[in-house]
Amino acid sequence: MGTTPRVFHDVEEGLSRAVRRITFHDPVTKDRTVLKDTYDPFTGEVIQAPITAKFYDSSADANHIQDPNFFIRLMKTREDRFTGRVVPEYGQWIQTPVQNSPGAFQIIINGIDGIINPAGNNLVTTIFQIRKVQPGYLIRLLNGNNKGTYYVSSITPAGNGNHTITVSNTIVQNLPVSLFDPNTRIVYFQGGVDLFTVQVGDVYTDASSNVFNITAVDPNMGTITIDGVTIPSLLVNSTITRTGNVFKNVDLSSVRYLVMDPTQPVQVAGVFGVVDQKANTEGVSPPIPIDAYYLIRIDSKTRQNHIDVLNRMWEEFNPPRTALPVIQRSSLSAEQFLTADVSSGGSNTIQVKDSSNFSLGDQVFVIDHLHPTSLQSGAGYERPFESKVVAIPSPTSIQLQDVVPDSFTTANFSKIVSNCEFQLFMFHFVDHVTKDVEGSQYWVHEFTFWVQIWVDRLETPGNLTPVTDIATPIEDLQGNVIIEDN
């Protein structure tokens, strides 16, 4: 998803959620309660309410400020070279497929002498192994006036060697689910698509057989713009076709081409496992494993509170080695605090101060000062509320695909964050020291926590090795030589 320019800030946000739970308490004996007041441990403000997951900004006078107070400080960081996490080779990039680029498939044959004359659906070639080409295969033209990827409709072998490959009027088929912006008439495909052969004037047919003309194409973003006023079906299996001549231009010079089997995608080991290869790849820097050590300091004015805090700390972080739920931003992330509580019963529209940095199709999380966190049972972790932006009705509102629960309130500092990931980082309660100054009626706990994180490089290289570029070497299987662009 890009770089993580503020991962340390994200970890501190996760730590603050974890530490706030220290003030959640129950009677530990019949006549004793730990931390009798309920308050925000960072602001010290007392909550005049039953013990619930609600904290307020510090705006009360000093008479309402409660000790103990909590502080978080980053003590040190270092590269993790000791625990067995993968350490990348320095200066090396991992190549990963570009999602919206032509697919890479098993090559059946390739040729160097394709001729298109006249414009139409036919390519003439003298390739020797013509009978290997089958209907349904893909033919990718690598140069000339009709560069792109097409479906083979039929093959007509000829005794004189001038064989004809006829392509289908279907340019793209089995398109993934999509989102639609009725204001701009843009269709956003939600999976990897190859739109590099699509042209203005092609016909988009949705899953319900509604037909629209394409007025603009952005192959890098995986979007098309359509005409009309009706809303298309957003389900899978829409198609794009071309009326009339598929090859709109004559190619009298020899065209280089590949014939590929679309049922045999090339697979490669990606950053997150085996994935389908694409014609374009981009370089990403392997993240560096980092150990971060944080100090949680807790000041108390009574010895009893001092002891109660220690008890609650060990109760909460039990076992000491656990996981820290973190919302990890990317370089594309935007975030806004909610400016109004979600309406009673929930709503899929939320109010923010400024929605301009959010885009249709953004994946978003809605979080607050207390969630996500560990489950009360201790058997796992909450997953944050997750949805997608489906509309931006106004400069101060965002409409989501799912209904947002009414538990998200401004009092809990609820916010919406886009283009981020939910991570569980290793989180270890390392040790604890106390600094008792009884003569001054002042007690201090210092707890050390160890968090294992990953840090990416900020910069990334450009796209690499586009197979659709004729400068890329192509192996000539017939002549057993390497063809290069001169």
Protein backbone atom coordinates (compact mmCIF):
# COMPACT_ATOMS: atom_id res chain seq x y z
CA MET A 1 0.00 0.00 0.00
CA GLY A 2 2.96 2.31 -0.10
CA THR A 3 5.26 3.64 2.55
CA THR A 4 4.58 4.02 6.25
CA PRO A 5 5.74 7.58 6.93
CA ARG A 6 4.40 7.77 10.49
CA VAL A 7 4.59 4.25 11.86
CA PHE A 8 5.99 5.44 15.21
CA HIS A 9 3.04 7.81 15.60
CA ASP A 10 0.71 4.92 14.75
CA VAL A 11 2.34 2.75 17.42
CA GLU A 12 2.00 5.50 20.03
CA GLU A 13 -1.68 5.78 19.14
CA GLY A 14 -2.05 2.03 19.72
CA LEU A 15 -0.17 2.29 23.01
CA SER A 16 -2.46 5.06 24.22
CA ARG A 17 -5.49 2.87 23.53
CA ALA A 18 -3.93 0.00 25.45
CA VAL A 19 -2.90 2.11 28.45
CA ARG A 20 -6.30 3.82 28.76
CA ARG A 21 -7.70 0.44 29.72
CA ILE A 22 -5.76 0.64 32.99
CA THR A 23 -8.56 2.81 34.40
CA PHE A 24 -11.22 0.17 33.61
CA HIS A 25 -11.75 -1.57 36.91
CA ASP A 26 -13.97 -3.82 38.94
CA PRO A 27 -14.04 -4.48 42.68
CA VAL A 28 -11.12 -6.76 43.47
CA THR A 29 -12.56 -7.64 46.88
CA LYS A 30 -15.97 -7.18 48.43
CA ASP A 31 -14.99 -3.94 50.10
CA ARG A 32 -12.18 -2.57 47.91
CA THR A 33 -12.16 -1.14 44.37
CA VAL A 34 -9.04 -0.38 42.37
CA LEU A 35 -8.83 3.29 41.27
CA LYS A 36 -12.19 4.42 42.65
CA ASP A 37 -12.57 7.31 40.23
CA THR A 38 -12.97 6.91 36.48
CA TYR A 39 -10.82 9.33 34.53
CA ASP A 40 -8.74 9.78 31.42
CA PRO A 41 -5.21 8.77 32.44
CA PHE A 42 -3.61 11.19 29.94
CA THR A 43 -5.60 14.30 30.75
CA GLY A 44 -6.37 13.41 34.35
CA GLU A 45 -9.95 14.59 34.01
CA VAL A 46 -12.46 12.77 36.19
CA ILE A 47 -15.43 11.22 34.39
CA GLN A 48 -18.61 11.94 36.32
CA ALA A 49 -20.37 8.84 34.98
CA PRO A 50 -20.48 5.09 35.48
CA ILE A 51 -17.47 3.17 34.27
CA THR A 52 -17.87 3.12 30.51
CA ALA A 53 -15.56 3.40 27.52
CA LYS A 54 -15.83 7.18 27.27
CA PHE A 55 -13.13 9.77 27.80
CA TYR A 56 -13.29 13.51 27.36
CA ASP A 57 -10.91 16.25 26.38
CA SER A 58 -9.26 17.99 29.32
CA SER A 59 -11.14 21.25 29.82
CA ALA A 60 -12.14 21.03 33.48
CA ASP A 61 -10.63 23.12 36.26
CA ALA A 62 -7.82 21.78 38.43
CA ASN A 63 -10.21 20.52 41.11
CA HIS A 64 -11.36 17.83 38.68
CA ILE A 65 -7.90 16.60 37.74
CA GLN A 66 -7.15 13.15 39.15
CA ASP A 67 -3.89 11.37 39.74
CA PRO A 68 -2.21 9.12 38.73
CA ASN A 69 -1.22 10.66 35.41
CA PHE A 70 0.23 8.70 32.49
CA PHE A 71 3.01 9.62 30.03
CA ILE A 72 4.38 7.79 26.98
CA ARG A 73 7.95 8.32 25.77
CA LEU A 74 9.92 6.61 23.01
CA MET A 75 13.25 5.62 24.57
CA LYS A 76 15.21 3.99 21.74
CA THR A 77 14.97 2.13 18.45
CA ARG A 78 17.29 -0.33 16.75
CA GLU A 79 17.35 -2.69 13.81
CA ASP A 80 16.23 -6.16 14.88
CA ARG A 81 19.10 -8.49 14.00
CA PHE A 82 18.51 -10.96 16.79
CA THR A 83 15.00 -12.45 16.84
CA GLY A 84 14.94 -14.17 13.45
CA ARG A 85 12.77 -11.69 11.56
CA VAL A 86 13.86 -11.47 7.91
CA VAL A 87 16.56 -8.88 7.36
CA PRO A 88 16.61 -7.78 3.68
CA GLU A 89 19.72 -7.46 1.60
CA TYR A 90 20.84 -3.87 1.77
CA GLY A 91 20.23 -1.80 -1.35
CA GLN A 92 18.01 -4.44 -2.95
CA TRP A 93 14.49 -3.94 -4.29
CA ILE A 94 11.77 -6.55 -4.48
CA GLN A 95 9.84 -6.48 -7.74
CA THR A 96 6.09 -6.83 -7.32
CA PRO A 97 3.39 -6.91 -10.04
CA VAL A 98 1.53 -3.71 -10.88
CA GLN A 99 -2.15 -4.51 -10.34
CA ASN A 100 -3.62 -2.59 -13.29
CA SER A 101 -1.32 -3.78 -16.06
CA PRO A 102 -1.47 -6.50 -18.74
CA GLY A 103 -1.33 -10.01 -17.34
CA ALA A 104 1.55 -12.39 -17.94
CA PHE A 105 0.58 -15.84 -19.21
CA GLN A 106 2.24 -18.95 -20.61
CA ILE A 107 3.54 -18.09 -24.07
CA ILE A 108 2.40 -20.60 -26.71
CA ILE A 109 4.23 -19.09 -29.70
CA ASN A 110 5.57 -15.75 -30.78
CA GLY A 111 6.02 -14.19 -34.18
CA ILE A 112 7.72 -11.28 -35.87
CA ASP A 113 5.91 -10.94 -39.21
CA GLY A 114 2.29 -10.01 -38.49
CA ILE A 115 0.62 -7.85 -41.15
CA ILE A 116 -2.70 -6.00 -40.74
CA ASN A 117 -4.05 -4.89 -44.13
CA PRO A 118 -6.77 -3.76 -44.44
CA ALA A 119 -8.03 -2.53 -41.07
CA GLY A 120 -10.39 -5.08 -39.58
CA ASN A 121 -10.13 -8.13 -37.37
CA ASN A 122 -7.47 -10.14 -39.21
CA LEU A 123 -3.73 -10.49 -38.75
CA VAL A 124 -1.79 -12.40 -41.43
CA THR A 125 1.36 -14.28 -40.46
CA THR A 126 3.67 -16.95 -41.91
CA ILE A 127 4.51 -18.46 -38.53
CA PHE A 128 5.35 -22.17 -38.81
CA GLN A 129 3.47 -23.42 -35.73
CA ILE A 130 0.10 -21.88 -36.54
CA ARG A 131 -1.87 -24.92 -35.34
CA LYS A 132 -0.76 -24.23 -31.77
CA VAL A 133 -2.98 -21.16 -31.80
CA GLN A 134 -6.48 -21.90 -30.49
CA PRO A 135 -9.69 -19.84 -30.19
CA GLY A 136 -9.85 -18.19 -26.77
CA TYR A 137 -6.09 -17.61 -26.59
CA LEU A 138 -4.72 -14.09 -26.24
CA ILE A 139 -2.64 -12.39 -28.88
CA ARG A 140 -0.56 -9.44 -27.69
CA LEU A 141 0.75 -7.06 -30.33
CA LEU A 142 3.98 -5.54 -29.07
CA ASN A 143 4.52 -2.81 -31.67
CA GLY A 144 2.79 -1.11 -34.54
CA ASN A 145 -0.39 0.90 -34.78
CA ASN A 146 -2.65 -1.55 -32.93
CA LYS A 147 -0.56 -2.38 -29.88
CA GLY A 148 -2.64 -4.21 -27.26
CA THR A 149 -4.03 -7.56 -26.14
CA TYR A 150 -6.90 -9.26 -27.99
CA TYR A 151 -8.85 -12.52 -27.85
CA VAL A 152 -8.37 -14.98 -30.72
CA SER A 153 -11.71 -15.78 -32.37
CA SER A 154 -10.60 -18.15 -35.13
CA ILE A 155 -7.57 -19.36 -37.10
CA THR A 156 -7.44 -20.00 -40.85
CA PRO A 157 -4.31 -21.93 -41.88
CA ALA A 158 -3.27 -21.49 -45.52
CA GLY A 159 -1.29 -23.82 -47.73
CA ASN A 160 0.90 -21.01 -49.02
CA GLY A 161 1.89 -20.10 -45.47
CA ASN A 162 -0.07 -16.86 -45.23
CA HIS A 163 -2.17 -17.86 -42.21
CA THR A 164 -4.92 -15.65 -40.80
CA ILE A 165 -5.60 -15.05 -37.11
CA THR A 166 -9.00 -13.41 -36.53
CA VAL A 167 -9.57 -11.61 -33.24
CA SER A 168 -12.82 -11.21 -31.31
CA ASN A 169 -14.72 -7.95 -30.89
CA THR A 170 -14.60 -8.59 -27.13
CA ILE A 171 -11.71 -6.56 -25.75
CA VAL A 172 -12.04 -7.31 -22.00
CA GLN A 173 -14.31 -9.84 -20.31
CA ASN A 174 -15.14 -11.09 -16.81
CA LEU A 175 -14.42 -7.72 -15.22
CA PRO A 176 -14.43 -7.59 -11.38
CA VAL A 177 -16.93 -5.84 -9.13
CA SER A 178 -16.91 -2.08 -9.35
CA LEU A 179 -17.94 1.18 -7.72
CA PHE A 180 -19.67 3.99 -9.58
CA ASP A 181 -19.68 7.76 -9.12
CA PRO A 182 -22.96 9.10 -10.56
CA ASN A 183 -21.62 12.66 -10.64
CA THR A 184 -18.58 11.96 -12.82
CA ARG A 185 -19.92 8.74 -14.44
CA ILE A 186 -16.64 6.99 -13.57
CA VAL A 187 -16.60 3.21 -13.02
CA TYR A 188 -13.93 2.10 -10.52
CA PHE A 189 -13.00 -1.58 -10.88
CA GLN A 190 -12.12 -3.15 -7.53
CA GLY A 191 -9.61 -5.69 -8.79
CA GLY A 192 -6.68 -5.82 -11.18
CA VAL A 193 -7.80 -5.01 -14.75
CA ASP A 194 -6.02 -4.57 -18.08
CA LEU A 195 -7.59 -1.57 -19.81
CA PHE A 196 -4.59 -0.68 -21.98
CA THR A 197 -6.32 -1.96 -25.15
CA VAL A 198 -9.60 -0.13 -24.42
CA GLN A 199 -10.29 3.01 -26.46
CA VAL A 200 -12.80 5.83 -26.33
CA GLY A 201 -15.86 4.68 -28.28
CA ASP A 202 -15.69 1.08 -27.08
CA VAL A 203 -18.86 -0.33 -25.53
CA TYR A 204 -19.20 -1.24 -21.84
CA THR A 205 -21.86 -3.88 -21.09
CA ASP A 206 -22.57 -4.39 -17.39
CA ALA A 207 -23.56 -7.65 -15.68
CA SER A 208 -27.25 -6.87 -16.34
CA SER A 209 -26.63 -6.37 -20.10
CA ASN A 210 -27.04 -2.59 -19.93
CA VAL A 211 -24.97 -0.93 -22.65
CA PHE A 212 -22.92 2.28 -22.32
CA ASN A 213 -20.38 4.02 -24.54
CA ILE A 214 -16.94 4.65 -23.05
CA THR A 215 -15.99 8.33 -23.12
CA ALA A 216 -12.66 8.16 -21.24
CA VAL A 217 -10.19 5.52 -20.03
CA ASP A 218 -7.53 5.63 -17.29
CA PRO A 219 -5.74 2.25 -17.52
CA ASN A 220 -3.25 3.07 -14.76
CA MET A 221 -6.04 3.70 -12.25
CA GLY A 222 -8.31 0.95 -13.60
CA THR A 223 -11.25 3.25 -14.39
CA ILE A 224 -13.52 4.07 -17.32
CA THR A 225 -15.99 6.91 -17.85
CA ILE A 226 -19.33 6.04 -19.45
CA ASP A 227 -22.15 8.02 -21.02
CA GLY A 228 -25.86 7.89 -20.20
CA VAL A 229 -27.82 8.71 -17.07
CA THR A 230 -28.64 5.28 -15.60
CA ILE A 231 -26.54 3.56 -12.95
CA PRO A 232 -24.79 0.41 -14.22
CA SER A 233 -24.77 -2.92 -12.41
CA LEU A 234 -21.67 -3.16 -10.22
CA LEU A 235 -21.48 -6.97 -10.14
CA VAL A 236 -18.84 -9.21 -11.75
CA ASN A 237 -18.75 -10.36 -15.40
CA SER A 238 -19.19 -7.06 -17.22
CA THR A 239 -17.47 -6.82 -20.64
CA ILE A 240 -15.97 -4.27 -23.01
CA THR A 241 -16.43 -4.75 -26.76
CA ARG A 242 -15.51 -2.86 -29.92
CA THR A 243 -18.00 -2.32 -32.71
CA GLY A 244 -16.71 -2.70 -36.27
CA ASN A 245 -12.98 -3.02 -36.90
CA VAL A 246 -11.00 -4.19 -33.86
CA PHE A 247 -7.74 -3.28 -35.60
CA LYS A 248 -8.56 0.30 -36.56
CA ASN A 249 -5.28 0.96 -38.31
CA VAL A 250 -3.31 -0.69 -41.07
CA ASP A 251 0.09 -2.22 -40.18
CA LEU A 252 2.15 -2.86 -43.31
CA SER A 253 5.40 -3.20 -41.38
CA SER A 254 6.02 -6.46 -39.53
CA VAL A 255 4.29 -6.64 -36.14
CA ARG A 256 5.80 -8.62 -33.31
CA TYR A 257 3.31 -10.57 -31.24
CA LEU A 258 2.87 -13.18 -28.53
CA VAL A 259 0.14 -15.83 -28.37
CA MET A 260 -0.65 -16.76 -24.75
CA ASP A 261 -2.93 -19.17 -22.89
CA PRO A 262 -5.10 -17.08 -20.50
CA THR A 263 -5.81 -20.18 -18.37
CA GLN A 264 -2.11 -20.46 -17.50
CA PRO A 265 -1.08 -17.28 -15.67
CA VAL A 266 2.55 -16.93 -14.72
CA GLN A 267 2.92 -16.88 -10.94
CA VAL A 268 5.70 -15.37 -8.90
CA ALA A 269 6.62 -15.11 -5.25
CA GLY A 270 5.46 -11.68 -4.14
CA VAL A 271 5.96 -9.78 -0.92
CA PHE A 272 2.83 -11.39 0.59
CA GLY A 273 2.97 -14.83 -1.09
CA VAL A 274 2.47 -16.27 -4.57
CA VAL A 275 0.62 -13.92 -6.94
CA ASP A 276 -0.16 -13.74 -10.66
CA GLN A 277 2.60 -12.03 -12.59
CA LYS A 278 1.85 -8.91 -14.65
CA ALA A 279 3.50 -7.41 -17.70
CA ASN A 280 4.59 -4.46 -15.56
CA THR A 281 6.36 -4.72 -12.24
CA GLU A 282 7.49 -2.10 -9.78
CA GLY A 283 10.24 -2.13 -7.24
CA VAL A 284 9.54 -1.90 -3.54
CA SER A 285 12.05 -1.72 -0.74
CA PRO A 286 11.81 -4.57 1.76
CA PRO A 287 10.78 -3.14 5.14
CA ILE A 288 13.42 -3.10 7.84
CA PRO A 289 12.58 -4.92 11.12
CA ILE A 290 12.79 -2.42 13.97
CA ASP A 291 12.68 -2.86 17.75
CA ALA A 292 11.09 0.15 19.47
CA TYR A 293 11.22 0.59 23.24
CA TYR A 294 8.66 2.81 24.94
CA LEU A 295 8.58 4.11 28.49
CA ILE A 296 5.17 4.39 30.19
CA ARG A 297 5.56 6.63 33.24
CA ILE A 298 2.76 6.78 35.79
CA ASP A 299 2.83 9.38 38.58
CA SER A 300 0.72 8.99 41.71
CA LYS A 301 0.18 11.17 44.79
CA THR A 302 -0.93 8.39 47.10
CA ARG A 303 0.85 5.15 47.83
CA GLN A 304 -2.40 3.19 47.59
CA ASN A 305 -3.02 4.41 44.05
CA HIS A 306 0.61 3.62 43.31
CA ILE A 307 0.10 -0.01 44.31
CA ASP A 308 -3.28 -0.23 42.58
CA VAL A 309 -1.74 0.93 39.30
CA LEU A 310 0.90 -1.77 39.51
CA ASN A 311 -1.76 -4.37 40.13
CA ARG A 312 -3.89 -3.15 37.21
CA MET A 313 -0.89 -3.03 34.88
CA TRP A 314 -0.08 -6.70 35.41
CA GLU A 315 -3.77 -7.62 35.17
CA GLU A 316 -4.15 -5.83 31.86
CA PHE A 317 -0.93 -7.00 30.23
CA ASN A 318 -1.37 -10.65 31.00
CA PRO A 319 0.43 -12.45 29.44
CA PRO A 320 3.28 -9.93 29.20
CA ARG A 321 4.08 -10.94 25.61
CA THR A 322 1.00 -10.20 23.56
CA ALA A 323 -0.01 -8.15 20.51
CA LEU A 324 -0.64 -4.46 19.99
CA PRO A 325 -3.48 -3.55 17.59
CA VAL A 326 -2.27 -0.68 15.38
CA ILE A 327 -3.87 1.24 12.52
CA GLN A 328 -0.90 1.69 10.18
CA ARG A 329 -1.17 4.60 7.76
CA SER A 330 0.27 4.71 4.25
CA SER A 331 1.46 7.63 2.15
CA LEU A 332 -2.06 7.75 0.66
CA SER A 333 -3.86 7.95 4.01
CA ALA A 334 -6.21 10.76 4.94
CA GLU A 335 -7.97 11.14 8.28
CA GLN A 336 -10.62 13.33 9.84
CA PHE A 337 -12.27 13.46 13.26
CA LEU A 338 -16.04 13.06 13.26
CA THR A 339 -17.73 16.40 13.86
CA ALA A 340 -21.03 14.85 14.94
CA ASP A 341 -22.05 11.63 16.67
CA VAL A 342 -23.27 8.86 14.40
CA SER A 343 -27.06 9.05 14.44
CA SER A 344 -29.01 6.67 16.67
CA GLY A 345 -29.29 3.20 15.20
CA GLY A 346 -26.25 3.76 12.97
CA SER A 347 -25.78 5.43 9.62
CA ASN A 348 -23.64 4.95 6.54
CA THR A 349 -23.04 8.72 6.30
CA ILE A 350 -20.67 10.44 8.72
CA GLN A 351 -19.91 14.12 9.23
CA VAL A 352 -16.32 15.43 9.12
CA LYS A 353 -14.67 18.83 8.87
CA ASP A 354 -13.17 18.29 5.41
CA SER A 355 -13.74 15.37 3.04
CA SER A 356 -11.59 16.70 0.19
CA ASN A 357 -8.70 14.25 0.72
CA PHE A 358 -10.96 11.18 0.51
CA SER A 359 -11.70 9.50 -2.82
CA LEU A 360 -14.38 7.18 -4.09
CA GLY A 361 -13.33 3.58 -3.50
CA ASP A 362 -10.98 4.35 -0.58
CA GLN A 363 -10.78 1.58 1.99
CA VAL A 364 -11.35 3.15 5.42
CA PHE A 365 -11.37 2.32 9.12
CA VAL A 366 -13.44 4.12 11.76
CA ILE A 367 -11.68 4.11 15.14
CA ASP A 368 -11.59 6.06 18.40
CA HIS A 369 -9.49 6.44 21.54
CA LEU A 370 -10.54 3.00 22.79
CA HIS A 371 -11.01 0.77 19.78
CA PRO A 372 -9.66 -1.47 18.36
CA THR A 373 -8.29 -3.23 21.42
CA SER A 374 -8.19 -6.69 22.96
CA LEU A 375 -11.42 -8.55 23.52
CA GLN A 376 -12.77 -8.53 27.05
CA SER A 377 -12.45 -12.32 27.15
CA GLY A 378 -8.75 -12.00 26.41
CA ALA A 379 -9.15 -14.55 23.62
CA GLY A 380 -8.25 -12.24 20.76
CA TYR A 381 -8.52 -8.74 19.38
CA GLU A 382 -11.27 -6.56 18.00
CA ARG A 383 -11.15 -5.83 14.30
CA PRO A 384 -11.79 -2.16 13.59
CA PHE A 385 -14.90 -1.10 11.72
CA GLU A 386 -13.96 -1.33 8.04
CA SER A 387 -15.76 -0.08 4.95
CA LYS A 388 -15.34 1.70 1.59
CA VAL A 389 -16.15 5.20 0.44
CA VAL A 390 -19.03 4.97 -2.05
CA ALA A 391 -19.95 8.65 -2.27
CA ILE A 392 -18.87 12.09 -1.03
CA PRO A 393 -22.20 13.97 -0.79
CA SER A 394 -20.69 17.24 0.40
CA PRO A 395 -17.37 18.82 1.47
CA THR A 396 -18.19 17.83 5.08
CA SER A 397 -19.71 14.36 4.71
CA ILE A 398 -18.64 10.89 3.59
CA GLN A 399 -20.93 8.02 2.63
CA LEU A 400 -19.70 4.49 3.32
CA GLN A 401 -20.71 1.12 1.96
CA ASP A 402 -21.67 -0.14 5.44
CA VAL A 403 -23.66 1.23 8.36
CA VAL A 404 -21.42 2.81 11.00
CA PRO A 405 -22.52 1.87 14.57
CA ASP A 406 -23.79 4.68 16.78
CA SER A 407 -21.13 3.80 19.38
CA PHE A 408 -18.74 6.12 17.52
CA THR A 409 -19.05 9.52 19.15
CA THR A 410 -17.18 12.79 19.20
CA ALA A 411 -16.67 12.38 22.96
CA ASN A 412 -14.47 9.35 22.24
CA PHE A 413 -12.57 11.25 19.52
CA SER A 414 -13.85 9.01 16.74
CA LYS A 415 -12.07 9.43 13.42
CA ILE A 416 -12.08 7.98 9.90
CA VAL A 417 -8.76 6.91 8.34
CA SER A 418 -8.32 5.91 4.69
CA ASN A 419 -5.84 3.68 2.86
CA CYS A 420 -4.41 2.06 5.95
CA GLU A 421 -3.89 -1.43 7.32
CA PHE A 422 -4.80 -3.16 10.57
CA GLN A 423 -1.68 -4.68 12.09
CA LEU A 424 -0.97 -6.73 15.20
CA PHE A 425 2.59 -5.98 16.29
CA MET A 426 4.45 -8.04 18.85
CA PHE A 427 4.08 -6.21 22.16
CA HIS A 428 6.09 -7.19 25.23
CA PHE A 429 5.90 -5.83 28.76
CA VAL A 430 9.67 -5.92 29.39
CA ASP A 431 10.18 -4.66 32.92
CA HIS A 432 9.17 -2.22 35.61
CA VAL A 433 10.99 0.02 38.09
CA THR A 434 9.53 2.22 40.81
CA LYS A 435 10.78 5.50 42.21
CA ASP A 436 9.17 6.07 45.57
CA VAL A 437 9.70 9.47 47.20
CA GLU A 438 7.57 8.95 50.29
CA GLY A 439 8.81 12.07 52.00
CA SER A 440 7.40 14.13 49.13
CA GLN A 441 4.19 12.09 48.86
CA TYR A 442 5.09 11.28 45.25
CA TRP A 443 5.38 7.87 43.63
CA VAL A 444 6.47 6.98 40.11
CA HIS A 445 6.18 3.79 38.04
CA GLU A 446 8.26 3.36 34.89
CA PHE A 447 7.17 0.50 32.66
CA THR A 448 9.17 -0.50 29.59
CA PHE A 449 7.41 -1.95 26.57
CA TRP A 450 9.05 -3.50 23.52
CA VAL A 451 7.21 -3.28 20.17
CA GLN A 452 8.42 -5.02 17.00
CA ILE A 453 7.56 -2.99 13.90
CA TRP A 454 8.62 -2.64 10.26
CA VAL A 455 9.78 0.56 8.57
CA ASP A 456 9.75 1.08 4.77
CA ARG A 457 11.91 3.39 2.77
CA LEU A 458 10.20 6.62 1.84
CA GLU A 459 11.18 6.66 -1.83
CA THR A 460 10.27 4.01 -4.40
CA PRO A 461 11.63 3.40 -7.91
CA GLY A 462 9.62 3.72 -11.09
CA ASN A 463 7.93 0.92 -12.99
CA LEU A 464 10.25 -1.73 -14.40
CA THR A 465 10.27 -4.31 -17.23
CA PRO A 466 7.10 -3.58 -19.19
CA VAL A 467 6.55 -6.59 -21.47
CA THR A 468 4.37 -4.42 -23.73
CA ASP A 469 7.42 -2.29 -24.56
CA ILE A 470 9.16 -3.51 -27.70
CA ALA A 471 12.52 -2.64 -26.14
CA THR A 472 12.05 -5.71 -23.97
CA PRO A 473 13.95 -8.69 -25.45
CA ILE A 474 11.74 -11.45 -26.84
CA GLU A 475 12.93 -14.97 -27.45
CA ASP A 476 12.45 -16.25 -31.00
CA LEU A 477 11.60 -19.91 -30.45
CA GLN A 478 11.88 -20.75 -34.15
CA GLY A 479 15.31 -19.30 -34.74
CA ASN A 480 16.60 -19.82 -31.19
CA VAL A 481 17.94 -16.25 -31.07
CA ILE A 482 17.18 -13.25 -28.96
CA ILE A 483 15.35 -10.44 -30.75
CA GLU A 484 16.25 -6.96 -29.57
CA ASP A 485 15.05 -3.55 -30.59
CA ASN A 486 17.60 -1.79 -32.76
